[in-house]
C-alpha atoms as a PDB file:
ATOM      1  CA  MET A   1     116.458 111.681  70.573  1.00  0.00           C
ATOM      2  CA  LYS A   2     119.868 111.582  67.960  1.00  0.00           C
ATOM      3  CA  ASP A   3     121.726 113.510  71.103  1.00  0.00           C
ATOM      4  CA  LYS A   4     120.861 110.997  73.299  1.00  0.00           C
ATOM      5  CA  PHE A   5     121.193 107.929  71.326  1.00  0.00           C
ATOM      6  CA  GLY A   6     123.559 109.064  68.207  1.00  0.00           C
ATOM      7  CA  ASP A   7     126.851 107.277  69.842  1.00  0.00           C
ATOM      8  CA  ALA A   8     125.118 104.247  71.122  1.00  0.00           C
ATOM      9  CA  GLY A   9     126.772 102.013  68.465  1.00  0.00           C
ATOM     10  CA  TRP A  10     125.434  98.766  66.520  1.00  0.00           C
ATOM     11  CA  GLN A  11     122.067  99.965  64.684  1.00  0.00           C
ATOM     12  CA  ALA A  12     121.384 103.076  66.149  1.00  0.00           C
ATOM     13  CA  PRO A  13     122.593 105.256  63.630  1.00  0.00           C
ATOM     14  CA  ARG A  14     120.169 103.059  60.963  1.00  0.00           C
ATOM     15  CA  ILE A  15     117.468 103.155  63.340  1.00  0.00           C
ATOM     16  CA  LEU A  16     117.618 106.950  64.101  1.00  0.00           C
ATOM     17  CA  LYS A  17     117.523 107.672  60.383  1.00  0.00           C
ATOM     18  CA  ALA A  18     114.631 105.670  59.752  1.00  0.00           C
ATOM     19  CA  LEU A  19     112.800 107.068  62.369  1.00  0.00           C
ATOM     20  CA  ASP A  20     113.561 110.518  60.718  1.00  0.00           C
ATOM     21  CA  GLN A  21     111.556 109.286  57.653  1.00  0.00           C
ATOM     22  CA  SER A  22     108.862 107.696  59.388  1.00  0.00           C
ATOM     23  CA  LYS A  23     105.474 109.496  59.216  1.00  0.00           C
ATOM     24  CA  ASP A  24     103.720 107.171  61.964  1.00  0.00           C
ATOM     25  CA  VAL A  25     105.925 106.779  64.669  1.00  0.00           C
ATOM     26  CA  TYR A  26     105.836 109.090  67.676  1.00  0.00           C
ATOM     27  CA  PHE A  27     107.828 109.526  70.870  1.00  0.00           C
ATOM     28  CA  ASP A  28     107.038 110.841  74.330  1.00  0.00           C
ATOM     29  CA  ARG A  29     108.623 110.904  77.948  1.00  0.00           C
ATOM     30  CA  ILE A  30     107.527 108.210  80.393  1.00  0.00           C
ATOM     31  CA  SER A  31     105.964 109.817  83.009  1.00  0.00           C
ATOM     32  CA  GLN A  32     103.340 109.836  85.965  1.00  0.00           C
ATOM     33  CA  VAL A  33      99.922 111.965  85.953  1.00  0.00           C
ATOM     34  CA  LYS A  34      99.252 113.275  89.318  1.00  0.00           C
ATOM     35  CA  ALA A  35      96.343 115.431  88.726  1.00  0.00           C
ATOM     36  CA  PRO A  36      95.105 117.272  91.639  1.00  0.00           C
ATOM     37  CA  ARG A  37      91.431 116.402  90.782  1.00  0.00           C
ATOM     38  CA  TRP A  38      89.916 114.207  88.465  1.00  0.00           C
ATOM     39  CA  SER A  39      86.675 115.702  87.680  1.00  0.00           C
ATOM     40  CA  ASN A  40      85.736 119.545  86.312  1.00  0.00           C
ATOM     41  CA  GLY A  41      82.065 120.491  85.858  1.00  0.00           C
ATOM     42  CA  ARG A  42      80.016 117.572  84.282  1.00  0.00           C
ATOM     43  CA  CYS A  43      83.463 115.593  83.021  1.00  0.00           C
ATOM     44  CA  ALA A  44      85.361 113.190  85.079  1.00  0.00           C
ATOM     45  CA  MET A  45      88.710 111.402  84.131  1.00  0.00           C
ATOM     46  CA  VAL A  46      89.690 107.724  84.632  1.00  0.00           C
ATOM     47  CA  GLY A  47      92.677 105.835  83.780  1.00  0.00           C
ATOM     48  CA  ASP A  48      95.839 107.015  82.191  1.00  0.00           C
ATOM     49  CA  ALA A  49      93.996 110.524  81.672  1.00  0.00           C
ATOM     50  CA  ALA A  50      93.553 110.867  85.162  1.00  0.00           C
ATOM     51  CA  TYR A  51      96.196 108.823  87.150  1.00  0.00           C
ATOM     52  CA  CYS A  52      98.628 107.089  84.727  1.00  0.00           C
ATOM     53  CA  PRO A  53     101.008 105.442  87.185  1.00  0.00           C
ATOM     54  CA  THR A  54     103.627 105.038  84.340  1.00  0.00           C
ATOM     55  CA  PRO A  55     104.889 101.436  82.842  1.00  0.00           C
ATOM     56  CA  MET A  56     106.990 100.910  85.600  1.00  0.00           C
ATOM     57  CA  SER A  57     104.270  99.882  87.919  1.00  0.00           C
ATOM     58  CA  GLY A  58     102.609  97.678  85.752  1.00  0.00           C
ATOM     59  CA  MET A  59      99.095  98.594  87.057  1.00  0.00           C
ATOM     60  CA  GLY A  60      97.828 100.973  84.518  1.00  0.00           C
ATOM     61  CA  ALA A  61      94.970  98.642  83.305  1.00  0.00           C
ATOM     62  CA  SER A  62      93.992  97.558  86.619  1.00  0.00           C
ATOM     63  CA  LEU A  63      93.750 101.352  87.701  1.00  0.00           C
ATOM     64  CA  SER A  64      91.747 102.013  84.675  1.00  0.00           C
ATOM     65  CA  ILE A  65      89.310  99.176  85.062  1.00  0.00           C
ATOM     66  CA  VAL A  66      88.989  99.919  88.859  1.00  0.00           C
ATOM     67  CA  GLY A  67      88.567 103.381  88.405  1.00  0.00           C
ATOM     68  CA  ALA A  68      85.808 103.079  85.652  1.00  0.00           C
ATOM     69  CA  TYR A  69      83.985 100.563  87.752  1.00  0.00           C
ATOM     70  CA  ILE A  70      84.174 102.910  90.969  1.00  0.00           C
ATOM     71  CA  LEU A  71      83.055 105.810  88.944  1.00  0.00           C
ATOM     72  CA  ALA A  72      80.156 104.098  87.041  1.00  0.00           C
ATOM     73  CA  GLY A  73      78.814 102.447  90.591  1.00  0.00           C
ATOM     74  CA  GLU A  74      79.111 106.174  92.086  1.00  0.00           C
ATOM     75  CA  LEU A  75      77.196 107.784  89.485  1.00  0.00           C
ATOM     76  CA  GLY A  76      74.479 104.898  89.946  1.00  0.00           C
ATOM     77  CA  ARG A  77      74.548 105.361  93.613  1.00  0.00           C
ATOM     78  CA  HIS A  78      74.269 109.488  93.690  1.00  0.00           C
ATOM     79  CA  LYS A  79      71.624 111.681  92.138  1.00  0.00           C
ATOM     80  CA  ASN A  80      74.126 114.602  91.800  1.00  0.00           C
ATOM     81  CA  HIS A  81      77.066 113.714  89.512  1.00  0.00           C
ATOM     82  CA  GLN A  82      79.299 116.284  91.881  1.00  0.00           C
ATOM     83  CA  ASP A  83      78.640 113.902  94.687  1.00  0.00           C
ATOM     84  CA  ALA A  84      79.407 110.837  92.617  1.00  0.00           C
ATOM     85  CA  PHE A  85      82.738 112.420  91.576  1.00  0.00           C
ATOM     86  CA  GLU A  86      83.487 113.260  95.153  1.00  0.00           C
ATOM     87  CA  ALA A  87      82.802 110.011  96.257  1.00  0.00           C
ATOM     88  CA  TYR A  88      84.690 108.300  92.972  1.00  0.00           C
ATOM     89  CA  GLU A  89      87.769 110.339  94.279  1.00  0.00           C
ATOM     90  CA  LYS A  90      87.663 109.588  97.788  1.00  0.00           C
ATOM     91  CA  LEU A  91      87.630 105.671  97.170  1.00  0.00           C
ATOM     92  CA  MET A  92      89.920 105.875  94.377  1.00  0.00           C
ATOM     93  CA  ARG A  93      92.968 108.223  95.603  1.00  0.00           C
ATOM     94  CA  PRO A  94      94.529 106.455  98.177  1.00  0.00           C
ATOM     95  CA  PHE A  95      94.537 103.232  95.912  1.00  0.00           C
ATOM     96  CA  VAL A  96      96.136 105.388  92.869  1.00  0.00           C
ATOM     97  CA  GLU A  97      98.615 107.192  95.221  1.00  0.00           C
ATOM     98  CA  ASP A  98      99.744 103.601  96.586  1.00  0.00           C
ATOM     99  CA  ILE A  99     100.155 102.396  92.969  1.00  0.00           C
ATOM    100  CA  GLN A 100     102.002 105.788  92.217  1.00  0.00           C
ATOM    101  CA  ASN A 101     104.500 105.566  94.907  1.00  0.00           C
ATOM    102  CA  LEU A 102     107.387 104.038  93.092  1.00  0.00           C
ATOM    103  CA  PRO A 103     111.018 103.544  94.409  1.00  0.00           C
ATOM    104  CA  PRO A 104     113.086 106.965  94.133  1.00  0.00           C
ATOM    105  CA  GLY A 105     114.597 106.713  90.594  1.00  0.00           C
ATOM    106  CA  VAL A 106     112.615 104.063  88.915  1.00  0.00           C
ATOM    107  CA  PRO A 107     111.463 105.904  85.847  1.00  0.00           C
ATOM    108  CA  TRP A 108     115.162 106.948  85.090  1.00  0.00           C
ATOM    109  CA  VAL A 109     116.999 103.470  86.095  1.00  0.00           C
ATOM    110  CA  ALA A 110     114.302 101.728  83.536  1.00  0.00           C
ATOM    111  CA  HIS A 111     114.987 104.141  81.087  1.00  0.00           C
ATOM    112  CA  PRO A 112     118.925 105.014  80.998  1.00  0.00           C
ATOM    113  CA  LYS A 113     120.151 107.962  78.676  1.00  0.00           C
ATOM    114  CA  THR A 114     123.945 107.055  78.132  1.00  0.00           C
ATOM    115  CA  LYS A 115     125.547 104.095  76.420  1.00  0.00           C
ATOM    116  CA  LEU A 116     126.953 103.019  79.857  1.00  0.00           C
ATOM    117  CA  GLY A 117     123.397 103.315  81.464  1.00  0.00           C
ATOM    118  CA  ILE A 118     122.233 100.924  78.841  1.00  0.00           C
ATOM    119  CA  THR A 119     124.789  98.373  79.165  1.00  0.00           C
ATOM    120  CA  LEU A 120     124.235  98.363  83.059  1.00  0.00           C
ATOM    121  CA  PHE A 121     120.538  98.287  82.637  1.00  0.00           C
ATOM    122  CA  ASN A 122     120.917  95.123  80.163  1.00  0.00           C
ATOM    123  CA  ALA A 123     123.159  93.429  82.499  1.00  0.00           C
ATOM    124  CA  ALA A 124     120.997  93.938  85.562  1.00  0.00           C
ATOM    125  CA  LEU A 125     117.892  92.546  83.432  1.00  0.00           C
ATOM    126  CA  GLY A 126     120.016  89.768  82.811  1.00  0.00           C
ATOM    127  CA  ILE A 127     120.939  88.832  86.198  1.00  0.00           C
ATOM    128  CA  ALA A 128     117.245  89.720  87.416  1.00  0.00           C
ATOM    129  CA  SER A 129     115.941  87.104  84.687  1.00  0.00           C
ATOM    130  CA  SER A 130     118.437  84.260  85.699  1.00  0.00           C
ATOM    131  CA  ARG A 131     116.765  81.363  86.945  1.00  0.00           C
ATOM    132  CA  LEU A 132     119.049  81.470  90.337  1.00  0.00           C
ATOM    133  CA  VAL A 133     117.412  85.008  90.999  1.00  0.00           C
ATOM    134  CA  LYS A 134     113.734  83.718  89.937  1.00  0.00           C
ATOM    135  CA  ASN A 135     114.036  80.691  92.441  1.00  0.00           C
ATOM    136  CA  ILE A 136     115.422  83.036  95.361  1.00  0.00           C
ATOM    137  CA  SER A 137     112.633  85.526  94.851  1.00  0.00           C
ATOM    138  CA  LYS A 138     109.884  82.759  94.925  1.00  0.00           C
ATOM    139  CA  ILE A 139     111.592  81.682  98.458  1.00  0.00           C
ATOM    140  CA  PHE A 140     111.726  85.397  99.749  1.00  0.00           C
ATOM    141  CA  GLY A 141     109.341  87.277  97.657  1.00  0.00           C
ATOM    142  CA  GLY A 142     106.124  85.592  98.042  1.00  0.00           C
ATOM    143  CA  ASN A 143     104.378  88.321 100.053  1.00  0.00           C
ATOM    144  CA  ALA A 144     106.307  91.433  98.704  1.00  0.00           C
ATOM    145  CA  LYS A 145     103.342  92.883  96.896  1.00  0.00           C
ATOM    146  CA  LYS A 146      99.797  93.425  98.471  1.00  0.00           C
ATOM    147  CA  ASP A 147      96.854  91.441  96.880  1.00  0.00           C
ATOM    148  CA  LEU A 148      94.723  93.980  94.852  1.00  0.00           C
ATOM    149  CA  LYS A 149      91.726  92.879  96.807  1.00  0.00           C
ATOM    150  CA  GLU A 150      93.784  94.388 100.111  1.00  0.00           C
ATOM    151  CA  ARG A 151      94.689  97.548  98.225  1.00  0.00           C
ATOM    152  CA  VAL A 152      91.619  98.871  97.224  1.00  0.00           C
ATOM    153  CA  LYS A 153      87.985  98.092  98.798  1.00  0.00           C
ATOM    154  CA  LEU A 154      85.476  97.699  96.075  1.00  0.00           C
ATOM    155  CA  PRO A 155      81.686  98.746  96.753  1.00  0.00           C
ATOM    156  CA  ASN A 156      79.387  96.105  95.753  1.00  0.00           C
ATOM    157  CA  TYR A 157      77.091  98.410  93.454  1.00  0.00           C
ATOM    158  CA  LYS A 158      73.541  97.102  92.976  1.00  0.00           C
END
Protein backbone atom coordinates (compact mmCIF):
# COMPACT_ATOMS: atom_id res chain seq x y z
CA MET A 1 0.00 0.00 0.00
CA LYS A 2 2.92 2.33 0.65
CA ASP A 3 3.95 2.16 -2.99
CA LYS A 4 0.43 3.21 -4.06
CA PHE A 5 -0.16 6.04 -1.58
CA GLY A 6 3.31 7.04 -0.41
CA ASP A 7 3.37 10.08 -2.68
CA ALA A 8 -0.30 11.04 -2.24
CA GLY A 9 0.72 14.03 -0.13
CA TRP A 10 -1.07 15.81 2.70
CA GLN A 11 -1.54 13.30 5.59
CA ALA A 12 -0.76 10.13 3.62
CA PRO A 13 2.75 9.52 5.09
CA ARG A 14 1.47 9.99 8.66
CA ILE A 15 -1.51 7.68 8.08
CA LEU A 16 0.63 5.00 6.42
CA LYS A 17 3.05 5.08 9.37
CA ALA A 18 0.15 4.76 11.83
CA LEU A 19 -1.24 1.82 9.85
CA ASP A 20 2.12 0.05 10.13
CA GLN A 21 1.93 0.38 13.91
CA SER A 22 -1.71 -0.71 14.18
CA LYS A 23 -2.49 -4.28 15.23
CA ASP A 24 -6.22 -4.21 14.44
CA VAL A 25 -6.49 -2.84 10.90
CA TYR A 26 -6.81 -5.13 7.89
CA PHE A 27 -6.98 -4.19 4.22
CA ASP A 28 -8.24 -6.30 1.37
CA ARG A 29 -9.11 -5.76 -2.25
CA ILE A 30 -12.51 -4.70 -3.51
CA SER A 31 -13.80 -7.70 -5.42
CA GLN A 32 -16.79 -9.68 -6.54
CA VAL A 33 -17.46 -13.30 -5.67
CA LYS A 34 -18.66 -15.23 -8.69
CA ALA A 35 -18.84 -18.76 -7.33
CA PRO A 36 -19.73 -21.43 -9.89
CA ARG A 37 -22.01 -23.10 -7.30
CA TRP A 38 -23.29 -22.11 -3.88
CA SER A 39 -23.49 -25.52 -2.27
CA ASN A 40 -21.39 -28.61 -1.75
CA GLY A 41 -22.64 -31.67 0.07
CA ARG A 42 -24.77 -30.54 3.00
CA CYS A 43 -23.37 -26.99 3.09
CA ALA A 44 -24.75 -23.97 1.25
CA MET A 45 -23.53 -20.38 1.13
CA VAL A 46 -25.53 -17.16 1.22
CA GLY A 47 -24.63 -13.48 1.25
CA ASP A 48 -21.13 -12.21 0.57
CA ALA A 49 -19.66 -15.72 0.87
CA ALA A 50 -21.73 -16.83 -2.13
CA TYR A 51 -22.28 -13.73 -4.24
CA CYS A 52 -20.61 -10.61 -2.91
CA PRO A 53 -21.54 -8.01 -5.53
CA THR A 54 -18.93 -5.39 -4.37
CA PRO A 55 -19.76 -2.28 -2.39
CA MET A 56 -20.22 -0.45 -5.73
CA SER A 57 -23.56 -2.17 -6.33
CA GLY A 58 -25.13 -1.14 -3.03
CA MET A 59 -27.00 -4.44 -2.97
CA GLY A 60 -24.97 -6.65 -0.61
CA ALA A 61 -27.47 -6.59 2.27
CA SER A 62 -30.45 -7.05 -0.07
CA LEU A 63 -28.85 -10.06 -1.74
CA SER A 64 -28.02 -11.56 1.66
CA ILE A 65 -31.55 -11.18 2.99
CA VAL A 66 -33.24 -12.39 -0.18
CA GLY A 67 -30.80 -15.31 -0.47
CA ALA A 68 -31.35 -16.38 3.15
CA TYR A 69 -35.13 -16.14 2.68
CA ILE A 70 -35.10 -18.25 -0.47
CA LEU A 71 -32.67 -20.84 0.92
CA ALA A 72 -34.71 -21.25 4.11
CA GLY A 73 -37.95 -21.45 2.12
CA GLU A 74 -36.58 -24.05 -0.27
CA LEU A 75 -35.18 -26.12 2.60
CA GLY A 76 -38.66 -26.07 4.14
CA ARG A 77 -40.32 -26.92 0.82
CA HIS A 78 -38.11 -29.89 -0.15
CA LYS A 79 -37.50 -33.15 1.70
CA ASN A 80 -34.04 -33.52 0.17
CA HIS A 81 -31.48 -30.78 0.86
CA GLN A 82 -29.88 -31.26 -2.56
CA ASP A 83 -33.19 -30.47 -4.26
CA ALA A 84 -33.58 -27.42 -2.01
CA PHE A 85 -30.07 -26.20 -2.90
CA GLU A 86 -30.79 -26.66 -6.61
CA ALA A 87 -34.07 -24.72 -6.35
CA TYR A 88 -32.35 -21.97 -4.32
CA GLU A 89 -29.70 -21.52 -6.96
CA LYS A 90 -32.22 -21.62 -9.81
CA LEU A 91 -34.22 -18.81 -8.20
CA MET A 92 -31.28 -16.71 -6.99
CA ARG A 93 -28.72 -17.01 -9.79
CA PRO A 94 -30.47 -14.67 -12.32
CA PHE A 95 -31.01 -12.04 -9.59
CA VAL A 96 -27.38 -12.23 -8.46
CA GLU A 97 -26.04 -12.06 -12.02
CA ASP A 98 -28.21 -8.99 -12.67
CA ILE A 99 -26.84 -7.25 -9.58
CA GLN A 100 -23.24 -8.27 -10.30
CA ASN A 101 -23.43 -6.89 -13.84
CA LEU A 102 -21.61 -3.63 -13.15
CA PRO A 103 -20.66 -1.19 -15.90
CA PRO A 104 -17.10 -1.76 -17.17
CA GLY A 105 -14.41 -0.26 -14.97
CA VAL A 106 -16.64 0.55 -11.97
CA PRO A 107 -14.44 -1.01 -9.26
CA TRP A 108 -11.33 0.65 -10.69
CA VAL A 109 -12.98 4.03 -11.23
CA ALA A 110 -14.35 4.05 -7.68
CA HIS A 111 -10.96 3.11 -6.19
CA PRO A 112 -8.28 5.05 -8.08
CA LYS A 113 -4.66 4.04 -7.58
CA THR A 114 -2.81 7.24 -8.47
CA LYS A 115 -2.75 10.79 -7.18
CA LEU A 116 -4.27 12.02 -10.46
CA GLY A 117 -6.97 9.33 -10.28
CA ILE A 118 -7.85 10.34 -6.71
CA THR A 119 -8.05 14.00 -7.73
CA LEU A 120 -10.31 13.20 -10.70
CA PHE A 121 -12.46 10.91 -8.56
CA ASN A 122 -12.95 13.60 -5.91
CA ALA A 123 -13.81 16.17 -8.59
CA ALA A 124 -16.36 13.78 -10.14
CA LEU A 125 -17.93 13.15 -6.72
CA GLY A 126 -18.21 16.88 -6.15
CA ILE A 127 -20.00 17.34 -9.46
CA ALA A 128 -22.23 14.28 -8.99
CA SER A 129 -23.33 15.44 -5.54
CA SER A 130 -24.06 18.99 -6.61
CA ARG A 131 -27.59 20.34 -6.28
CA LEU A 132 -27.84 20.85 -10.06
CA VAL A 133 -26.99 17.23 -10.87
CA LYS A 134 -29.35 15.95 -8.17
CA ASN A 135 -32.22 17.99 -9.63
CA ILE A 136 -31.47 16.84 -13.17
CA SER A 137 -31.28 13.20 -12.08
CA LYS A 138 -34.69 13.48 -10.41
CA ILE A 139 -36.18 14.62 -13.71
CA PHE A 140 -34.49 12.07 -15.99
CA GLY A 141 -33.45 9.21 -13.74
CA GLY A 142 -36.70 8.17 -12.10
CA ASN A 143 -36.92 4.74 -13.72
CA ALA A 144 -33.22 4.00 -14.16
CA LYS A 145 -33.19 1.03 -11.78
CA LYS A 146 -35.84 -1.63 -11.70
CA ASP A 147 -37.70 -1.92 -8.44
CA LEU A 148 -36.43 -4.80 -6.31
CA LYS A 149 -39.79 -6.54 -6.70
CA GLU A 150 -39.30 -6.61 -10.47
CA ARG A 151 -35.78 -8.01 -10.23
CA VAL A 152 -36.55 -11.18 -8.27
CA LYS A 153 -39.78 -13.11 -7.83
CA LEU A 154 -39.99 -14.07 -4.16
CA PRO A 155 -42.00 -17.22 -3.54
CA ASN A 156 -44.59 -17.14 -0.79
CA TYR A 157 -43.35 -19.91 1.49
CA LYS A 158 -45.87 -21.39 3.97
